[in-house]
Amino acid sequence: MLGSGDLTSNLSRQSEPSPSESITPRVLTILSHVIEKLVARNDKLVDDMDKKLDGVSSGLARVGKSLNVFHGVRAPNISIVKYLERLYKYTSCSPSCFVVGYVYIDRLTHKHPDSLVISLNVHRLLVTSVMVASKMLDDVHYNNAFYARVGGVSNAELNRLEMEFLFLLDFGVMVSSRVFESYCSHLEREMMINGASQRIERAIVSNAVDDVTELSVEDTQSSSPPQGMV
C-alpha cells in the first residue's frame, strides 16, 4: 500500500471508513501546535547540517538511526493537525489517547536522544503511538488493520512499526495518572506561552492507564477494515 513511501497519496486512494460523529477535542489543537514546533525545529536542524556538510552527505546521516523505520521517502502533504483529526474522527479513540501517545513519543526522544522527530517520520510515529495508547486506555478499540487504513499505511507496515515502537520503548507503556496530568499541564503551558489559554479534556480511564496486560502486538492478517471493534 505504501511502496513509494508516499503516505499522502495512499490516504487519497483509500476509501473512507465511516467517521464517528463527535466534536473535535481541544487536545488535538494543542498537541498539533506543540508537535509542529518540534518538527519545524528539528527539520531546521537537519537542514543546517546539510548546509554545513555542503553536499558531502545528508544531514540525516549525522543523526541517530533509531527512528529510521518510521521514515517515509518524503514528508506527507497532510498537516499534523489534519492527520490527528483524521485519526480521532475515524477511530473513535478517547482524547486521552493523544496525550498518552505524546508521552510515548517524548519517552522515545529521551531514550534515543540522537534521533529526531522530523517531517519524514512524525505521521507514522503518531498513528503508531495513538494506536498503542488506545489499546492501553480504551475498553473497546479498532484493530491494527483499521488503524493502518485510517493512517495511510499498510497493515504489515503498521504491525512492524508497532513492534519496533514497543522495543524502542523497552515496552515502557505504563503511564500513571500523575504523569498523565503533568503532560496535560505541560501542553497547556505551551499554549499559554503562545497567547492561547486552552484546557485539555481530562477524561481518562484510571483503571486502564496502568494496565500493561491489555497491550496487544498480535499480527492482524487482513488489511480490510473491520466490521466492528475488537
Protein backbone atom coordinates (compact mmCIF):
# COMPACT_ATOMS: atom_id res chain seq x y z
CA MET A 1 0.00 0.00 0.00
CA LEU A 2 2.89 2.35 0.69
CA GLY A 3 5.64 1.04 -1.50
CA SER A 4 6.62 4.52 -2.63
CA GLY A 5 6.66 5.87 0.91
CA ASP A 6 4.00 8.42 -0.05
CA LEU A 7 1.53 8.42 2.82
CA THR A 8 -0.47 11.28 1.31
CA SER A 9 -1.31 9.55 -1.95
CA ASN A 10 -2.12 6.38 -0.07
CA LEU A 11 -4.67 8.25 2.01
CA SER A 12 -6.32 9.68 -1.08
CA ARG A 13 -6.55 6.29 -2.82
CA GLN A 14 -8.23 4.53 0.08
CA SER A 15 -12.00 4.51 0.53
CA GLU A 16 -13.03 6.42 3.60
CA PRO A 17 -14.01 4.47 6.72
CA SER A 18 -17.14 5.63 8.46
CA PRO A 19 -16.41 8.65 10.69
CA SER A 20 -17.55 8.95 14.27
CA GLU A 21 -19.95 11.78 14.94
CA SER A 22 -18.21 13.90 17.55
CA ILE A 23 -16.76 17.31 18.27
CA THR A 24 -13.01 17.64 17.76
CA PRO A 25 -11.41 17.74 21.23
CA ARG A 26 -9.16 20.63 22.21
CA VAL A 27 -6.23 18.30 22.83
CA LEU A 28 -5.79 17.85 19.08
CA THR A 29 -5.26 21.57 18.53
CA ILE A 30 -2.89 21.85 21.46
CA LEU A 31 -0.91 18.73 20.62
CA SER A 32 -0.58 19.58 16.94
CA HIS A 33 0.76 23.02 17.84
CA VAL A 34 3.43 21.55 20.13
CA ILE A 35 4.46 18.80 17.71
CA GLU A 36 4.57 21.19 14.73
CA LYS A 37 7.01 23.39 16.66
CA LEU A 38 9.16 20.37 17.49
CA VAL A 39 9.19 19.12 13.90
CA ALA A 40 9.96 22.59 12.48
CA ARG A 41 12.90 22.97 14.87
CA ASN A 42 14.28 19.52 14.06
CA ASP A 43 13.81 19.94 10.30
CA LYS A 44 15.76 23.19 10.50
CA LEU A 45 18.50 21.42 12.45
CA VAL A 46 18.79 18.78 9.72
CA ASP A 47 18.77 21.46 7.01
CA ASP A 48 21.52 23.37 8.80
CA MET A 49 23.61 20.20 8.97
CA ASP A 50 23.04 19.69 5.23
CA LYS A 51 24.39 23.17 4.53
CA LYS A 52 27.45 22.63 6.72
CA LEU A 53 28.21 19.33 5.02
CA ASP A 54 27.87 21.09 1.63
CA GLY A 55 26.62 18.04 -0.25
CA VAL A 56 29.22 15.64 1.14
CA SER A 57 26.46 13.69 2.90
CA SER A 58 22.92 14.20 4.12
CA GLY A 59 22.26 15.83 7.48
CA LEU A 60 20.09 12.81 8.29
CA ALA A 61 23.19 10.66 8.16
CA ARG A 62 24.52 12.58 11.15
CA VAL A 63 21.55 11.90 13.43
CA GLY A 64 20.58 8.67 15.17
CA LYS A 65 19.06 5.82 13.20
CA SER A 66 16.70 4.51 15.89
CA LEU A 67 13.65 6.07 14.20
CA ASN A 68 14.64 5.24 10.62
CA VAL A 69 11.95 2.56 10.36
CA PHE A 70 9.36 5.34 10.70
CA HIS A 71 10.84 7.41 7.85
CA GLY A 72 8.92 7.90 4.62
CA VAL A 73 10.53 8.73 1.29
CA ARG A 74 9.13 12.25 1.58
CA ALA A 75 7.05 14.22 4.04
CA PRO A 76 3.28 13.76 3.55
CA ASN A 77 1.29 16.76 2.38
CA ILE A 78 -1.34 16.29 5.08
CA SER A 79 -0.68 18.57 8.07
CA ILE A 80 -0.18 17.24 11.56
CA VAL A 81 -3.43 18.75 12.83
CA LYS A 82 -5.43 17.29 9.93
CA TYR A 83 -3.79 13.91 10.45
CA LEU A 84 -4.64 13.91 14.16
CA GLU A 85 -8.20 14.97 13.36
CA ARG A 86 -8.44 12.09 10.88
CA LEU A 87 -7.24 9.58 13.48
CA TYR A 88 -9.77 10.86 16.01
CA LYS A 89 -12.62 11.11 13.50
CA TYR A 90 -12.42 7.55 12.24
CA THR A 91 -11.05 5.52 15.17
CA SER A 92 -13.25 7.00 17.93
CA CYS A 93 -10.39 6.66 20.39
CA SER A 94 -10.64 8.68 23.58
CA PRO A 95 -8.94 12.14 23.67
CA SER A 96 -6.64 10.84 26.39
CA CYS A 97 -5.02 8.52 23.85
CA PHE A 98 -3.43 11.51 22.15
CA VAL A 99 -1.85 12.72 25.39
CA VAL A 100 -0.55 9.25 26.19
CA GLY A 101 0.69 8.89 22.61
CA TYR A 102 2.64 12.12 23.11
CA VAL A 103 4.08 10.71 26.35
CA TYR A 104 5.35 7.70 24.38
CA ILE A 105 6.97 9.88 21.69
CA ASP A 106 8.59 12.02 24.38
CA ARG A 107 9.94 8.89 26.04
CA LEU A 108 11.39 7.79 22.71
CA THR A 109 13.25 11.08 22.28
CA HIS A 110 14.71 10.75 25.78
CA LYS A 111 15.71 7.11 25.33
CA HIS A 112 17.22 7.85 21.92
CA PRO A 113 18.32 11.49 22.12
CA ASP A 114 20.37 11.33 18.92
CA SER A 115 17.22 10.53 16.90
CA LEU A 116 14.90 13.34 15.84
CA VAL A 117 11.17 13.60 15.27
CA ILE A 118 11.02 15.22 11.83
CA SER A 119 8.57 15.67 8.98
CA LEU A 120 9.66 12.35 7.45
CA ASN A 121 8.66 10.25 10.46
CA VAL A 122 6.16 12.20 12.56
CA HIS A 123 2.99 10.85 10.92
CA ARG A 124 3.99 7.21 11.33
CA LEU A 125 5.04 7.89 14.92
CA LEU A 126 1.65 9.47 15.61
CA VAL A 127 -0.50 6.69 14.20
CA THR A 128 1.60 4.07 15.99
CA SER A 129 1.65 5.86 19.33
CA VAL A 130 -2.08 6.64 19.31
CA MET A 131 -2.92 3.06 18.38
CA VAL A 132 -0.81 1.66 21.22
CA ALA A 133 -2.32 4.19 23.63
CA SER A 134 -5.82 3.17 22.56
CA LYS A 135 -5.02 -0.45 23.35
CA MET A 136 -3.87 0.64 26.79
CA LEU A 137 -6.71 3.03 27.63
CA ASP A 138 -9.87 2.16 25.75
CA ASP A 139 -12.01 -0.83 26.64
CA VAL A 140 -13.11 -1.02 23.01
CA HIS A 141 -10.74 -0.19 20.15
CA TYR A 142 -10.17 -0.95 16.49
CA ASN A 143 -7.52 -3.41 15.39
CA ASN A 144 -4.26 -2.77 13.55
CA ALA A 145 -5.83 -3.25 10.11
CA PHE A 146 -8.29 -0.44 10.69
CA TYR A 147 -5.67 1.94 12.11
CA ALA A 148 -3.49 1.17 9.09
CA ARG A 149 -6.31 2.09 6.72
CA VAL A 150 -7.04 5.32 8.57
CA GLY A 151 -3.35 6.20 8.92
CA GLY A 152 -2.47 5.57 5.29
CA VAL A 153 0.00 2.72 5.74
CA SER A 154 -0.25 -0.98 5.02
CA ASN A 155 -1.33 -3.39 7.72
CA ALA A 156 2.00 -5.21 7.50
CA GLU A 157 3.92 -1.96 7.91
CA LEU A 158 1.89 -0.85 10.93
CA ASN A 159 2.40 -4.23 12.59
CA ARG A 160 6.14 -3.79 12.04
CA LEU A 161 6.09 -0.20 13.30
CA GLU A 162 4.22 -1.25 16.43
CA MET A 163 6.79 -3.91 17.30
CA GLU A 164 9.69 -1.53 16.65
CA PHE A 165 7.96 1.16 18.70
CA LEU A 166 7.49 -1.15 21.68
CA PHE A 167 11.06 -2.38 21.63
CA LEU A 168 12.40 1.18 21.37
CA LEU A 169 10.36 1.96 24.49
CA ASP A 170 11.55 -1.24 26.19
CA PHE A 171 7.81 -1.95 26.46
CA GLY A 172 7.51 1.00 28.84
CA VAL A 173 3.87 1.73 28.02
CA MET A 174 2.54 2.28 31.53
CA VAL A 175 1.50 5.89 32.16
CA SER A 176 0.40 6.80 35.67
CA SER A 177 -2.33 9.31 36.38
CA ARG A 178 0.31 11.64 37.84
CA VAL A 179 2.41 11.53 34.68
CA PHE A 180 -0.68 11.96 32.53
CA GLU A 181 -1.67 15.08 34.47
CA SER A 182 1.85 16.52 34.28
CA TYR A 183 1.88 16.18 30.48
CA CYS A 184 -1.56 17.79 30.23
CA SER A 185 -0.27 20.74 32.26
CA HIS A 186 2.86 20.96 30.12
CA LEU A 187 0.84 21.07 26.89
CA GLU A 188 -1.47 23.73 28.33
CA ARG A 189 1.51 25.87 29.39
CA GLU A 190 2.89 25.66 25.85
CA MET A 191 -0.37 27.11 24.57
CA MET A 192 -0.34 29.88 27.19
CA ILE A 193 3.17 30.89 26.11
CA ASN A 194 1.75 31.47 22.66
CA GLY A 195 -1.14 33.55 23.97
CA ALA A 196 -3.87 30.90 23.87
CA SER A 197 -5.44 29.59 27.06
CA GLN A 198 -6.95 26.14 26.47
CA ARG A 199 -7.50 23.23 28.81
CA ILE A 200 -7.16 19.61 27.78
CA GLU A 201 -10.02 17.22 28.38
CA ARG A 202 -9.04 15.22 31.47
CA ALA A 203 -11.31 12.22 30.98
CA ILE A 204 -9.16 9.14 31.43
CA VAL A 205 -9.90 5.53 32.34
CA SER A 206 -7.99 5.35 35.59
CA ASN A 207 -8.20 1.57 35.90
CA ALA A 208 -6.74 1.07 32.40
CA VAL A 209 -3.92 3.57 32.33
CA ASP A 210 -1.65 1.34 34.40
CA ASP A 211 -2.80 -1.98 32.93
CA VAL A 212 0.05 -3.15 30.71
CA THR A 213 -1.59 -6.54 30.14
CA GLU A 214 -4.15 -5.03 27.77
CA LEU A 215 -1.43 -4.25 25.22
CA SER A 216 -1.60 -6.48 22.15
CA VAL A 217 1.02 -6.88 19.46
CA GLU A 218 -0.91 -9.58 17.65
CA ASP A 219 -0.38 -9.60 13.89
CA THR A 220 -3.67 -8.94 12.11
CA GLN A 221 -3.61 -10.71 8.75
CA SER A 222 -6.39 -8.90 6.88
CA SER A 223 -5.81 -5.39 5.58
CA SER A 224 -9.51 -4.78 5.02
CA PRO A 225 -11.37 -2.62 7.55
CA PRO A 226 -13.03 -4.49 10.41
CA GLN A 227 -16.77 -4.84 10.57
CA GLY A 228 -16.74 -3.87 14.22
CA MET A 229 -14.43 -3.06 17.07
CA VAL A 230 -12.29 -5.55 18.92
